[in-house]
Amino acid sequence: MTLHVRVISQQPPGGRCNLYGDYAKALASHLDAEAERIDSTLRDAHGEGFPSLWFDDGPVPPADGVILMPDDLVAALEARGVAVPAALSEALEAALERMLEQGA
C-alpha cells in the first residue's frame, strides 16, 4: 500500500510549511510515497489547516505540540508498520537542520 503524504501550507509558505514540504519530498523519495501540497488560508496547525503534514487520512501530531520533528515522523511510520531506512531518517534530519540554519 502506498503512503499518501499531504502538506497543508499557507501561500507563500513560511518556516514550518517549508519544513513539512521538505519532509514530504524526503518521504516521497525514500519510501516511494505520493506527496502533495495543498494551499490553505485556514490556520489550524496539525489539523485541517496550515501548517500540517498528513499521512493518508489524518495529521501527524508533534510530540511537543508545536513542530514536527524527524522522530515524530519515524514513530508515526513505524506505528503504521513501515520500515524506516536510515537514509530517510538522515534526510529528515537534514531538512530540519536546513530550516534551523535559515532561521539563524
Protein backbone atom coordinates (compact mmCIF):
# COMPACT_ATOMS: atom_id res chain seq x y z
CA MET A 1 0.00 0.00 0.00
CA THR A 2 1.36 3.40 -1.00
CA LEU A 3 1.66 6.05 1.69
CA HIS A 4 -0.06 9.32 0.79
CA VAL A 5 1.61 12.40 2.30
CA ARG A 6 -0.23 15.72 2.29
CA VAL A 7 1.25 19.03 3.39
CA ILE A 8 -1.23 21.78 4.15
CA SER A 9 0.57 25.08 3.64
CA GLN A 10 -0.02 28.78 3.60
CA GLN A 11 0.82 30.66 0.41
CA PRO A 12 3.55 31.71 0.28
CA PRO A 13 4.90 29.01 2.58
CA GLY A 14 6.81 30.03 5.68
CA GLY A 15 9.14 28.19 8.09
CA ARG A 16 7.16 25.15 9.19
CA CYS A 17 5.29 24.91 5.87
CA ASN A 18 8.62 24.79 4.02
CA LEU A 19 9.98 22.26 6.52
CA TYR A 20 6.96 20.00 6.16
CA GLY A 21 7.27 20.29 2.37
CA ASP A 22 10.89 19.17 2.63
CA TYR A 23 9.84 16.29 4.86
CA ALA A 24 7.26 15.27 2.22
CA LYS A 25 9.92 15.33 -0.52
CA ALA A 26 12.17 13.09 1.57
CA LEU A 27 9.31 10.69 2.29
CA ALA A 28 8.40 10.55 -1.40
CA SER A 29 11.99 9.92 -2.38
CA HIS A 30 12.87 7.28 0.21
CA LEU A 31 9.55 5.47 0.58
CA ASP A 32 8.15 5.95 -2.90
CA ALA A 33 5.23 7.74 -1.24
CA GLU A 34 2.79 10.01 -3.03
CA ALA A 35 3.22 13.59 -1.83
CA GLU A 36 1.11 16.67 -2.43
CA ARG A 37 0.90 20.21 -1.12
CA ILE A 38 -2.42 21.90 -0.57
CA ASP A 39 -2.54 25.65 -0.08
CA SER A 40 -4.94 26.86 2.59
CA THR A 41 -5.95 30.10 4.26
CA LEU A 42 -7.09 28.25 7.39
CA ARG A 43 -4.62 28.46 10.25
CA ASP A 44 -5.04 25.21 12.19
CA ALA A 45 -1.62 23.77 12.97
CA HIS A 46 -1.59 19.96 12.87
CA GLY A 47 -5.26 19.87 11.97
CA GLU A 48 -7.34 20.82 8.92
CA GLY A 49 -5.28 23.94 8.13
CA PHE A 50 -1.68 25.03 7.94
CA PRO A 51 0.96 24.05 8.88
CA SER A 52 0.11 20.37 8.85
CA LEU A 53 1.56 17.15 7.50
CA TRP A 54 -0.80 14.22 7.00
CA PHE A 55 -0.24 10.53 6.42
CA ASP A 56 -3.16 9.09 4.47
CA ASP A 57 -6.28 10.13 6.39
CA GLY A 58 -5.03 12.26 9.26
CA PRO A 59 -2.47 14.72 10.57
CA VAL A 60 0.74 13.58 12.22
CA PRO A 61 0.85 15.20 15.68
CA PRO A 62 4.11 16.65 17.00
CA ALA A 63 5.20 15.27 20.37
CA ASP A 64 5.84 18.80 21.66
CA GLY A 65 2.56 20.15 20.22
CA VAL A 66 4.41 22.78 18.17
CA ILE A 67 6.67 21.45 15.42
CA LEU A 68 7.04 18.06 13.77
CA MET A 69 10.43 16.56 14.38
CA PRO A 70 12.00 13.70 12.44
CA ASP A 71 11.39 11.36 15.40
CA ASP A 72 7.66 12.17 15.25
CA LEU A 73 7.51 11.09 11.61
CA VAL A 74 9.58 7.96 12.20
CA ALA A 75 7.32 6.97 15.11
CA ALA A 76 4.18 7.55 13.02
CA LEU A 77 5.60 5.48 10.16
CA GLU A 78 6.66 2.65 12.46
CA ALA A 79 3.19 2.66 14.06
CA ARG A 80 1.85 2.00 10.54
CA GLY A 81 4.26 -0.89 10.12
CA VAL A 82 6.54 0.98 7.71
CA ALA A 83 10.22 0.10 7.89
CA VAL A 84 12.17 3.35 8.04
CA PRO A 85 15.50 3.24 6.20
CA ALA A 86 18.45 5.06 7.78
CA ALA A 87 18.72 7.23 4.67
CA LEU A 88 15.20 8.57 5.28
CA SER A 89 16.00 9.42 8.90
CA GLU A 90 19.10 11.26 7.71
CA ALA A 91 17.13 13.16 5.03
CA LEU A 92 14.52 14.24 7.60
CA GLU A 93 17.25 15.44 9.97
CA ALA A 94 18.93 17.34 7.09
CA ALA A 95 15.64 19.10 6.30
CA LEU A 96 15.32 20.20 9.94
CA GLU A 97 18.93 21.41 10.01
CA ARG A 98 18.37 23.49 6.83
CA MET A 99 15.35 25.14 8.38
CA LEU A 100 17.21 25.91 11.60
CA GLU A 101 20.16 27.38 9.69
CA GLN A 102 17.84 29.61 7.64
CA GLY A 103 16.20 30.88 10.82
CA ALA A 104 19.52 31.79 12.44
